[in-house]
């Protein structure tokens, strides 16, 4: 079970670093790949889309955390009950 928690933290760190890196890139660029000037509104739209894309892995991570907690609790109860 400890391996599952370690993997959970590593995956979370990777997603957090990726989200921060892409967010900084979106906020600091002045022109996008198509050559259009980036205004505050277009940066906000890009950030909202980025956030929506990262909601799916966030949901998976939350479910994984709940499973880890339930399994750890069950193992603890089985260990104490012996």
Protein backbone atom coordinates (compact mmCIF):
# COMPACT_ATOMS: atom_id res chain seq x y z
CA UNK A 1 0.00 0.00 0.00
CA UNK A 2 2.92 2.30 0.68
CA UNK A 3 3.93 2.04 -2.99
CA UNK A 4 0.47 3.24 -3.99
CA UNK A 5 0.81 6.34 -1.79
CA UNK A 6 4.29 7.08 -3.13
CA UNK A 7 3.02 6.74 -6.70
CA UNK A 8 0.04 8.99 -5.83
CA UNK A 9 2.34 11.75 -4.54
CA UNK A 10 4.68 11.46 -7.52
CA UNK A 11 1.81 11.67 -10.03
CA UNK A 12 0.32 14.64 -8.16
CA UNK A 13 3.68 16.42 -8.21
CA UNK A 14 4.04 15.81 -11.95
CA UNK A 15 0.55 17.15 -12.65
CA UNK A 16 1.10 20.18 -10.42
CA UNK A 17 4.41 21.03 -12.07
CA UNK A 18 2.83 20.58 -15.51
CA UNK A 19 -0.15 22.78 -14.64
CA UNK A 20 2.05 25.53 -13.21
CA UNK A 21 4.45 25.40 -16.17
CA UNK A 22 1.70 25.59 -18.78
CA UNK A 23 -0.12 28.31 -16.82
CA UNK A 24 3.01 30.45 -16.67
CA UNK A 25 3.54 29.89 -20.40
CA UNK A 26 -0.05 30.95 -21.18
CA UNK A 27 0.18 34.09 -19.02
CA UNK A 28 3.59 35.25 -20.21
CA UNK A 29 3.27 34.84 -23.98
CA UNK A 30 2.30 37.91 -25.91
CA UNK A 31 1.48 36.17 -29.21
CA UNK A 32 -0.03 32.70 -29.65
CA UNK A 33 1.02 30.06 -32.20
CA UNK A 34 -1.33 31.47 -34.84
CA UNK A 35 0.23 34.93 -34.53
CA UNK A 36 -2.68 36.59 -32.71
CA UNK A 37 -2.02 39.13 -29.97
CA UNK A 38 -2.86 37.74 -26.54
CA UNK A 39 -5.21 40.00 -24.60
CA UNK A 40 -6.37 39.49 -21.04
CA UNK A 41 -9.59 37.89 -22.31
CA UNK A 42 -7.83 35.37 -24.55
CA UNK A 43 -5.44 34.50 -21.74
CA UNK A 44 -8.39 33.90 -19.43
CA UNK A 45 -10.08 31.67 -22.02
CA UNK A 46 -6.86 29.70 -22.45
CA UNK A 47 -6.49 29.36 -18.68
CA UNK A 48 -10.10 28.19 -18.27
CA UNK A 49 -9.62 25.58 -20.99
CA UNK A 50 -6.39 24.46 -19.35
CA UNK A 51 -8.18 24.17 -16.01
CA UNK A 52 -10.99 22.13 -17.56
CA UNK A 53 -8.44 19.76 -19.10
CA UNK A 54 -6.76 19.26 -15.73
CA UNK A 55 -10.07 18.55 -13.94
CA UNK A 56 -10.21 15.00 -15.36
CA UNK A 57 -6.83 13.93 -13.90
CA UNK A 58 -7.77 15.73 -10.67
CA UNK A 59 -10.94 13.64 -10.40
CA UNK A 60 -8.93 10.46 -11.00
CA UNK A 61 -6.43 11.51 -8.32
CA UNK A 62 -9.21 12.18 -5.80
CA UNK A 63 -10.77 8.77 -6.47
CA UNK A 64 -7.33 7.15 -6.13
CA UNK A 65 -6.80 8.94 -2.81
CA UNK A 66 -10.17 7.74 -1.48
CA UNK A 67 -9.33 4.17 -2.49
CA UNK A 68 -5.95 4.46 -0.76
CA UNK A 69 -7.60 5.76 2.42
CA UNK A 70 -10.24 3.01 2.46
CA UNK A 71 -7.70 0.24 1.85
CA UNK A 72 -5.37 1.65 4.52
CA UNK A 73 -8.24 1.86 7.01
CA UNK A 74 -9.33 -1.72 6.27
CA UNK A 75 -5.77 -3.00 6.68
CA UNK A 76 -5.46 -1.15 9.99
CA UNK A 77 -8.76 -2.57 11.27
CA UNK A 78 -7.77 -6.10 10.20
CA UNK A 79 -4.38 -5.73 11.89
CA UNK A 80 -5.89 -4.45 15.16
CA UNK A 81 -8.58 -7.14 15.12
CA UNK A 82 -6.04 -10.01 15.17
